[in-house]
Protein backbone atom coordinates (compact mmCIF):
# COMPACT_ATOMS: atom_id res chain seq x y z
CA MET A 1 18.49 -76.16 -14.78
CA ASP A 2 16.46 -73.46 -16.50
CA PRO A 3 13.28 -75.18 -17.78
CA SER A 4 12.42 -72.50 -20.35
CA PHE A 5 13.54 -72.65 -23.98
CA THR A 6 15.72 -70.11 -25.58
CA ALA A 7 14.50 -68.15 -28.65
CA GLU A 8 16.72 -70.27 -30.84
CA GLN A 9 15.33 -73.50 -29.44
CA ASP A 10 11.81 -72.37 -29.95
CA GLU A 11 12.61 -71.40 -33.57
CA ILE A 12 14.11 -74.72 -34.22
CA ARG A 13 11.12 -76.59 -32.95
CA ARG A 14 8.68 -74.36 -34.76
CA THR A 15 10.50 -74.54 -38.12
CA LEU A 16 11.04 -78.11 -37.92
CA ARG A 17 7.40 -78.94 -36.98
CA GLU A 18 6.17 -76.91 -39.90
CA LEU A 19 8.57 -78.59 -42.41
CA LEU A 20 7.70 -82.11 -41.09
CA HIS A 21 3.90 -81.36 -41.26
CA LYS A 22 4.33 -80.46 -44.97
CA ARG A 23 6.89 -83.07 -45.94
CA SER A 24 6.35 -86.06 -43.62
CA GLY A 25 2.63 -86.71 -43.30
CA PRO A 26 1.21 -90.18 -43.10
CA HIS A 27 1.13 -90.64 -46.92
CA GLU A 28 4.70 -89.31 -47.38
CA LEU A 29 5.87 -91.51 -44.45
CA ARG A 30 4.58 -94.76 -46.07
CA ALA A 31 5.92 -93.79 -49.50
CA ALA A 32 9.36 -93.24 -47.90
CA LEU A 33 9.30 -96.64 -46.16
CA ASP A 34 8.87 -98.30 -49.49
CA THR A 35 11.98 -96.83 -51.04
CA PRO A 36 15.27 -98.82 -51.11
CA ALA A 37 16.94 -96.64 -48.51
CA GLY A 38 13.76 -96.49 -46.29
CA HIS A 39 13.78 -92.72 -46.13
CA ASP A 40 13.03 -89.79 -48.43
CA PRO A 41 16.37 -88.25 -49.61
CA ALA A 42 14.58 -84.95 -50.52
CA LEU A 43 13.37 -84.61 -47.00
CA TRP A 44 16.92 -85.31 -45.71
CA THR A 45 18.20 -82.67 -48.08
CA ALA A 46 15.54 -80.13 -46.88
CA LEU A 47 16.44 -80.86 -43.18
CA ALA A 48 20.13 -80.19 -44.11
CA ASP A 49 19.71 -77.12 -46.25
CA HIS A 50 16.86 -75.32 -44.48
CA LEU A 51 17.79 -76.14 -40.82
CA GLY A 52 21.35 -77.45 -40.86
CA LEU A 53 20.05 -80.36 -38.81
CA PRO A 54 22.79 -82.93 -39.52
CA GLY A 55 25.38 -80.50 -38.24
CA LEU A 56 23.36 -78.99 -35.38
CA ALA A 57 25.57 -80.30 -32.62
CA LEU A 58 28.94 -80.07 -34.67
CA PRO A 59 31.39 -77.21 -34.13
CA GLU A 60 31.30 -74.30 -36.57
CA ALA A 61 34.94 -75.08 -37.47
CA TYR A 62 33.64 -78.10 -39.20
CA GLY A 63 30.68 -76.60 -40.94
CA GLY A 64 28.16 -77.27 -38.06
CA VAL A 65 25.92 -74.93 -36.22
CA GLY A 66 27.67 -75.23 -32.83
CA CYS A 67 24.62 -75.89 -30.74
CA PRO A 68 24.67 -78.07 -27.63
CA VAL A 69 23.33 -81.72 -27.56
CA ALA A 70 20.15 -80.43 -25.86
CA ASP A 71 19.18 -78.57 -29.11
CA LEU A 72 19.62 -81.76 -31.18
CA ALA A 73 17.53 -83.59 -28.63
CA LEU A 74 14.74 -81.06 -28.94
CA ALA A 75 14.85 -81.39 -32.71
CA CYS A 76 14.67 -85.13 -32.35
CA GLU A 77 11.49 -84.71 -30.24
CA GLU A 78 9.86 -83.16 -33.28
CA THR A 79 11.13 -85.96 -35.71
CA GLY A 80 9.71 -88.42 -33.25
CA ARG A 81 6.26 -86.99 -33.42
CA THR A 82 5.97 -87.83 -37.07
CA LEU A 83 8.13 -91.01 -36.82
CA ALA A 84 10.04 -89.34 -39.78
CA PRO A 85 12.53 -91.94 -41.14
CA SER A 86 15.93 -90.25 -41.75
CA PRO A 87 19.66 -90.81 -41.27
CA LEU A 88 19.62 -88.30 -38.38
CA LEU A 89 20.05 -90.79 -35.56
CA ALA A 90 22.72 -92.90 -37.13
CA THR A 91 24.57 -90.05 -38.59
CA SER A 92 24.41 -87.14 -36.16
CA VAL A 93 23.74 -88.94 -32.87
CA LEU A 94 25.95 -92.02 -33.25
CA ALA A 95 28.64 -91.59 -35.81
CA ALA A 96 29.57 -87.94 -35.99
CA PRO A 97 30.24 -87.48 -32.20
CA LEU A 98 32.77 -90.42 -32.46
CA ILE A 99 34.62 -88.95 -35.43
CA LEU A 100 34.74 -85.58 -33.57
CA ALA A 101 36.11 -87.14 -30.31
CA LEU A 102 38.44 -89.71 -31.71
CA GLY A 103 39.34 -88.80 -35.22
CA THR A 104 42.58 -87.20 -36.26
CA GLU A 105 42.42 -83.63 -37.54
CA ALA A 106 42.71 -84.92 -41.12
CA GLN A 107 39.69 -87.28 -40.69
CA ARG A 108 37.69 -84.56 -38.95
CA THR A 109 38.29 -82.15 -41.70
CA ALA A 110 37.60 -84.64 -44.42
CA LEU A 111 34.29 -86.01 -43.05
CA LEU A 112 32.51 -83.67 -40.71
CA PRO A 113 31.85 -80.73 -43.14
CA ARG A 114 30.30 -83.36 -45.53
CA ILE A 115 28.16 -84.74 -42.67
CA ALA A 116 27.12 -81.23 -41.51
CA ALA A 117 26.06 -80.49 -45.04
CA GLY A 118 24.03 -83.56 -45.38
CA THR A 119 26.01 -84.88 -48.34
CA LEU A 120 27.50 -87.78 -46.28
CA THR A 121 25.54 -90.17 -44.09
CA ALA A 122 27.27 -92.43 -41.61
CA THR A 123 26.40 -95.11 -39.06
CA LEU A 124 27.93 -97.19 -36.25
CA ALA A 125 28.15 -100.93 -37.05
CA VAL A 126 28.55 -103.30 -34.14
CA PRO A 127 27.89 -107.02 -34.01
CA ALA A 128 24.23 -107.69 -33.11
CA PRO A 129 22.68 -107.67 -30.75
CA ALA A 130 25.49 -105.74 -29.06
CA LEU A 131 24.45 -102.11 -29.80
CA THR A 132 23.03 -101.58 -26.38
CA THR A 133 26.14 -103.35 -24.87
CA ALA A 134 28.66 -101.32 -26.97
CA LEU A 135 26.92 -98.09 -25.74
CA ALA A 136 27.00 -99.34 -22.13
CA LEU A 137 23.36 -98.81 -21.58
CA THR A 138 22.19 -102.17 -20.11
CA CYS A 139 25.57 -103.58 -18.98
CA GLY A 140 29.26 -102.69 -18.99
CA ASN A 141 31.13 -102.70 -22.34
CA ASP A 142 34.44 -103.92 -21.20
CA GLY A 143 34.02 -107.50 -22.54
CA ASP A 144 34.52 -109.13 -25.87
CA TRP A 145 31.15 -107.99 -27.38
CA ALA A 146 32.92 -106.73 -30.66
CA GLY A 147 34.20 -110.23 -31.58
CA GLY A 148 36.42 -111.73 -28.98
CA GLY A 149 37.10 -115.42 -28.73
CA ARG A 150 37.95 -117.71 -31.53
CA ALA A 151 35.01 -116.83 -33.88
CA GLY A 152 32.11 -114.49 -34.31
CA GLY A 153 31.70 -110.78 -34.33
CA ILE A 154 34.11 -108.57 -36.41
CA GLN A 155 37.82 -109.24 -36.36
CA ALA A 156 40.56 -106.69 -37.32
CA ARG A 157 43.92 -107.74 -38.42
CA ARG A 158 46.93 -105.67 -39.72
CA VAL A 159 48.21 -107.17 -42.94
CA ALA A 160 51.27 -105.57 -44.56
CA GLY A 161 50.59 -102.32 -42.63
CA THR A 162 46.97 -102.29 -43.71
CA TRP A 163 44.00 -103.04 -41.46
CA ARG A 164 41.67 -105.69 -42.83
CA LEU A 165 38.13 -106.45 -41.26
CA TYR A 166 36.24 -109.78 -41.40
CA GLY A 167 32.87 -110.54 -39.91
CA GLU A 168 29.33 -109.30 -40.02
CA ALA A 169 26.93 -107.03 -38.13
CA THR A 170 23.20 -107.09 -38.30
CA GLN A 171 20.54 -104.52 -37.12
CA VAL A 172 22.74 -101.73 -38.19
CA LEU A 173 20.83 -98.56 -38.39
CA ASP A 174 20.88 -97.32 -42.01
CA GLY A 175 23.65 -99.88 -42.61
CA HIS A 176 22.37 -100.59 -46.10
CA SER A 177 22.49 -97.02 -47.28
CA ALA A 178 24.94 -95.08 -45.16
CA GLY A 179 27.94 -93.65 -47.08
CA LEU A 180 30.37 -94.34 -44.32
CA LEU A 181 30.45 -97.17 -41.69
CA LEU A 182 32.15 -96.72 -38.38
CA VAL A 183 32.85 -100.40 -37.51
CA ALA A 184 33.67 -101.64 -34.09
CA ALA A 185 36.07 -104.56 -34.42
CA HIS A 186 38.09 -106.86 -32.02
CA ALA A 187 41.84 -106.66 -32.48
CA GLY A 188 44.95 -107.99 -30.86
CA GLY A 189 43.91 -111.62 -30.30
CA TYR A 190 44.18 -112.87 -26.74
CA VAL A 191 47.47 -111.07 -25.76
CA ARG A 192 46.52 -107.54 -26.68
CA SER A 193 42.69 -107.91 -26.87
CA ARG A 194 41.00 -104.51 -27.50
CA THR A 195 38.07 -102.93 -29.31
CA LEU A 196 38.94 -100.36 -32.03
CA LEU A 197 36.87 -98.28 -34.45
CA PHE A 198 37.51 -98.16 -38.18
CA LEU A 199 36.25 -96.18 -41.11
CA VAL A 200 34.81 -98.12 -44.09
CA PRO A 201 33.46 -96.22 -47.02
CA ALA A 202 30.35 -97.59 -48.69
CA GLU A 203 32.27 -98.40 -51.92
CA SER A 204 34.91 -100.53 -50.32
CA GLU A 205 35.65 -103.88 -52.02
CA GLY A 206 34.43 -106.84 -50.01
CA LEU A 207 31.64 -104.85 -48.28
CA VAL A 208 28.26 -106.50 -48.84
CA ARG A 209 25.13 -104.82 -47.49
CA VAL A 210 21.40 -105.63 -47.64
CA ARG A 211 18.38 -104.06 -46.07
CA GLN A 212 16.71 -106.19 -43.29
CA THR A 213 13.11 -106.50 -42.54
CA ALA A 214 12.54 -104.78 -39.19
CA LEU A 215 9.81 -104.72 -36.67
CA ASP A 216 9.83 -100.95 -36.87
CA ALA A 217 10.02 -100.04 -40.47
CA THR A 218 10.57 -96.44 -39.67
CA ARG A 219 13.96 -97.28 -38.33
CA PRO A 220 15.58 -98.79 -41.46
CA GLN A 221 18.21 -101.37 -40.59
CA GLY A 222 20.86 -103.29 -42.68
CA HIS A 223 22.89 -106.46 -42.56
CA VAL A 224 26.52 -105.75 -43.13
CA GLN A 225 29.19 -108.32 -44.13
CA LEU A 226 32.97 -107.50 -44.29
CA ARG A 227 35.06 -109.88 -46.30
CA TYR A 228 38.61 -108.90 -45.58
CA VAL A 229 37.62 -105.23 -46.25
CA ARG A 230 40.33 -102.60 -46.18
CA ALA A 231 39.76 -100.08 -43.37
CA GLU A 232 41.11 -96.98 -41.94
CA LEU A 233 41.73 -96.72 -38.16
CA LEU A 234 39.66 -93.90 -36.54
CA GLY A 235 42.26 -91.95 -34.66
CA SER A 236 46.03 -91.89 -34.76
CA SER A 237 46.93 -94.76 -32.44
CA ASP A 238 45.76 -98.48 -32.26
CA GLU A 239 46.83 -98.51 -28.50
CA ARG A 240 43.62 -96.79 -27.48
CA SER A 241 40.60 -98.89 -26.53
CA VAL A 242 37.31 -97.14 -27.09
CA PRO A 243 34.71 -98.60 -24.55
CA GLU A 244 34.75 -95.34 -22.43
CA ASP A 245 34.26 -93.23 -25.38
CA LEU A 246 31.33 -95.41 -26.58
CA ALA A 247 29.84 -95.37 -22.99
CA LEU A 248 29.93 -91.53 -23.09
CA LEU A 249 28.25 -91.60 -26.51
CA GLY A 250 25.70 -94.03 -25.13
CA ASP A 251 24.52 -91.65 -22.48
CA ARG A 252 24.21 -88.74 -24.87
CA ALA A 253 22.36 -90.85 -27.46
CA ALA A 254 20.06 -92.19 -24.72
CA ALA A 255 19.11 -88.50 -23.88
CA VAL A 256 18.38 -87.83 -27.55
CA LEU A 257 16.49 -91.14 -27.92
CA ALA A 258 14.35 -90.25 -24.70
CA CYS A 259 13.33 -86.89 -26.30
CA GLU A 260 12.48 -88.60 -29.49
CA ALA A 261 10.29 -91.12 -27.66
CA VAL A 262 8.49 -88.41 -25.73
CA GLY A 263 7.70 -86.68 -29.08
CA ALA A 264 6.26 -89.91 -30.40
CA ALA A 265 4.23 -90.53 -27.30
CA ASP A 266 2.89 -87.02 -27.31
CA ARG A 267 1.67 -87.40 -30.87
CA ALA A 268 0.16 -90.87 -30.13
CA LEU A 269 -1.79 -89.39 -27.19
CA GLU A 270 -2.83 -86.33 -29.19
CA ARG A 271 -4.25 -88.45 -31.94
CA THR A 272 -6.11 -90.67 -29.44
CA VAL A 273 -7.70 -87.63 -27.75
CA GLU A 274 -8.87 -86.40 -31.06
CA TYR A 275 -10.44 -89.71 -31.86
CA VAL A 276 -12.25 -90.24 -28.59
CA GLY A 277 -13.70 -86.78 -28.94
CA GLN A 278 -15.24 -87.78 -32.24
CA ARG A 279 -16.23 -91.45 -31.91
CA GLU A 280 -19.78 -92.01 -30.73
CA GLN A 281 -21.01 -95.02 -28.77
CA PHE A 282 -24.47 -95.39 -27.21
CA GLY A 283 -25.39 -91.87 -28.43
CA ARG A 284 -22.33 -90.22 -26.65
CA VAL A 285 -18.71 -89.54 -27.71
CA ILE A 286 -16.60 -92.16 -26.03
CA GLY A 287 -14.32 -89.49 -24.67
CA SER A 288 -17.13 -88.53 -22.25
CA PHE A 289 -16.91 -91.82 -20.39
CA GLN A 290 -15.09 -91.64 -17.18
CA ALA A 291 -13.16 -94.88 -17.72
CA VAL A 292 -11.78 -93.59 -20.97
CA GLN A 293 -10.82 -90.27 -19.33
CA HIS A 294 -8.92 -92.05 -16.51
CA ARG A 295 -6.92 -94.15 -18.89
CA LEU A 296 -5.91 -91.09 -20.95
CA ALA A 297 -5.13 -89.13 -17.80
CA ASP A 298 -2.78 -91.94 -16.64
CA VAL A 299 -1.02 -91.69 -20.10
CA TYR A 300 -0.73 -87.96 -19.76
CA VAL A 301 0.85 -88.29 -16.29
CA ARG A 302 3.36 -90.76 -17.58
CA LEU A 303 4.19 -88.56 -20.57
CA GLN A 304 4.81 -85.43 -18.60
CA ALA A 305 7.01 -87.27 -16.10
CA ALA A 306 8.99 -88.76 -19.08
CA ARG A 307 9.27 -85.33 -20.76
CA SER A 308 10.71 -83.81 -17.57
CA ALA A 309 13.35 -86.67 -17.27
CA ALA A 310 14.23 -86.41 -21.03
CA TYR A 311 14.77 -82.68 -20.78
CA TYR A 312 16.88 -83.02 -17.75
CA ALA A 313 18.98 -85.69 -19.40
CA ALA A 314 19.47 -83.58 -22.46
CA TRP A 315 20.42 -80.66 -20.32
CA ALA A 316 22.80 -82.83 -18.26
CA THR A 317 24.75 -83.99 -21.25
CA GLY A 318 26.80 -80.79 -21.15
CA ARG A 319 27.58 -81.14 -17.50
CA ASP A 320 29.16 -84.64 -17.36
CA GLU A 321 26.08 -86.09 -15.60
CA ARG A 322 25.07 -89.50 -16.93
CA VAL A 323 21.37 -89.95 -16.48
CA GLY A 324 20.43 -90.64 -20.11
CA ALA A 325 19.65 -94.37 -19.64
CA LEU A 326 17.18 -93.60 -16.78
CA ALA A 327 15.37 -90.96 -18.93
CA LEU A 328 15.30 -93.36 -21.84
CA ALA A 329 13.74 -96.07 -19.72
CA GLN A 330 11.05 -93.71 -18.56
CA ALA A 331 10.40 -92.42 -22.10
CA LEU A 332 10.12 -95.92 -23.62
CA GLU A 333 7.59 -96.91 -21.05
CA ALA A 334 5.56 -93.77 -21.73
CA LEU A 335 5.67 -94.40 -25.44
CA ARG A 336 4.66 -98.00 -25.03
CA THR A 337 1.68 -97.10 -22.85
CA ALA A 338 0.55 -94.34 -25.12
CA ALA A 339 0.82 -96.42 -28.20
CA ALA A 340 -1.04 -99.38 -26.59
CA GLU A 341 -3.79 -97.19 -25.37
CA ALA A 342 -4.01 -95.62 -28.84
CA ILE A 343 -4.59 -98.91 -30.41
CA GLN A 344 -7.12 -100.00 -27.75
CA LEU A 345 -9.11 -96.85 -27.84
CA HIS A 346 -9.31 -96.59 -31.52
CA GLY A 347 -10.99 -100.02 -31.53
CA GLY A 348 -10.93 -102.07 -34.61
CA ILE A 349 -9.35 -99.49 -36.81
CA GLY A 350 -6.30 -99.25 -34.47
CA PHE A 351 -5.22 -102.78 -35.51
CA THR A 352 -5.39 -102.05 -39.28
CA TRP A 353 -2.34 -101.54 -41.47
CA GLU A 354 -3.85 -98.39 -42.92
CA HIS A 355 -3.95 -96.57 -39.60
CA GLU A 356 -0.76 -95.25 -38.16
CA ALA A 357 -1.37 -96.17 -34.49
CA HIS A 358 0.48 -99.47 -34.86
CA LEU A 359 3.51 -97.58 -36.18
CA TYR A 360 3.97 -95.93 -32.82
CA PHE A 361 3.57 -99.21 -31.01
CA LYS A 362 6.25 -100.68 -33.32
CA ARG A 363 8.55 -97.81 -32.59
CA ALA A 364 8.21 -98.44 -28.83
CA ALA A 365 8.86 -102.10 -29.27
CA GLY A 366 11.68 -101.70 -31.78
CA ASP A 367 13.58 -99.16 -29.60
CA GLU A 368 13.35 -101.49 -26.72
CA PHE A 369 14.97 -104.27 -28.61
CA LEU A 370 17.77 -102.07 -29.91
CA PHE A 371 18.48 -99.94 -26.74
CA GLY A 372 16.69 -101.53 -23.87
CA PRO A 373 14.60 -103.02 -22.39
CA ALA A 374 13.55 -100.50 -19.76
CA HIS A 375 14.10 -102.73 -16.80
CA ARG A 376 17.67 -103.51 -17.83
CA LEU A 377 18.43 -99.83 -18.41
CA ARG A 378 17.33 -99.16 -14.82
CA ALA A 379 19.18 -102.19 -13.37
CA HIS A 380 22.52 -101.06 -15.03
CA ALA A 381 22.08 -97.49 -13.81
CA ALA A 382 21.51 -98.87 -10.28
CA ASP A 383 24.57 -101.07 -10.49
CA ARG A 384 26.65 -98.19 -11.73
CA ALA A 385 25.47 -96.05 -8.87
CA ARG A 386 26.08 -98.83 -6.39
CA LEU A 387 22.59 -98.41 -5.28
CA PHE A 388 22.07 -101.83 -3.76
CA THR A 389 25.66 -102.43 -2.57
CA ARG A 390 25.74 -103.25 1.10
CA ARG A 391 27.37 -100.58 3.18
CA GLU A 392 28.33 -100.63 6.83
CA VAL A 393 26.70 -97.86 8.87
CA THR A 394 28.52 -96.68 11.98
CA VAL A 395 26.56 -95.11 14.71
């Protein structure tokens, strides 16, 4: 692994940081959270038009830039610094790779250029709280998490040659506003039980969507109900079950999320260092007290370790090495620690709604609910590596 950045990667990071500094400051962030979609459409258009961010990791044949996943992860590190709410995670990290990997040529040609241009947003809808299970981050995804059994989840049935979906999914990222839903549904009953993915446009009859109140308002989520909705199978055959494809997606998404969490932790630490260098107590700035310095030094060490792990995981996505979950666990812990110290060291102001320190803590807690927690990410990685399996040693 070459730890240095290419000229293109440096340019992406620099340009994106400048744009977000102008368009996604604290005031713009709060204004975006109060909109029905939970993000600023003008910012999303700017990210698409100026940087090609939605199609950064898509092939040029479908209107994308053709960069590796590592470049998208570095871009998400910058969006994580400002907690910029956008459809980037749901659209470009979760939905687009599945369409590229599993879709027919007609589906890819019809959908991916629109996603790359930023005119179509998409998301992955799975029954809650099964997102981390579907992506095989905290346990295997070979069970009936999509809706097996006699009730619950999302069921898919073929009626007169047409697929119909019935069920609901909650905590769907951008589920209330995305133009296209990739719905994971259980099909085949008991005899041919399997999980399939379906394309459901936002204007489909029988589709009901509302925005949910989420702990982390910077990650807008929706509640999706499907009432015998007509759907199109993703791919050309209903014989293929998709857990392995979702597991591969999960590792890549975890690497991207790890970089995003590192960016958020870096900004939280940066803001705290600025504050303790200005706040005075007993006639001295509190940053001069050794106890404060030690606490911030511990955060810095955690952050740098998490950054190294996140960069390695992003680099490894192109080499079939699955270490994203471990990097995500370390990054989430670093973000939680940095955000907690930010609140503590800001004193009374750190607990107020007007200050942004609490937004970083909510991002850490919200991501652990959606994709973790950290100890389960590590436990599943250990199980997958058979780390604690008893082995006979011959001498």
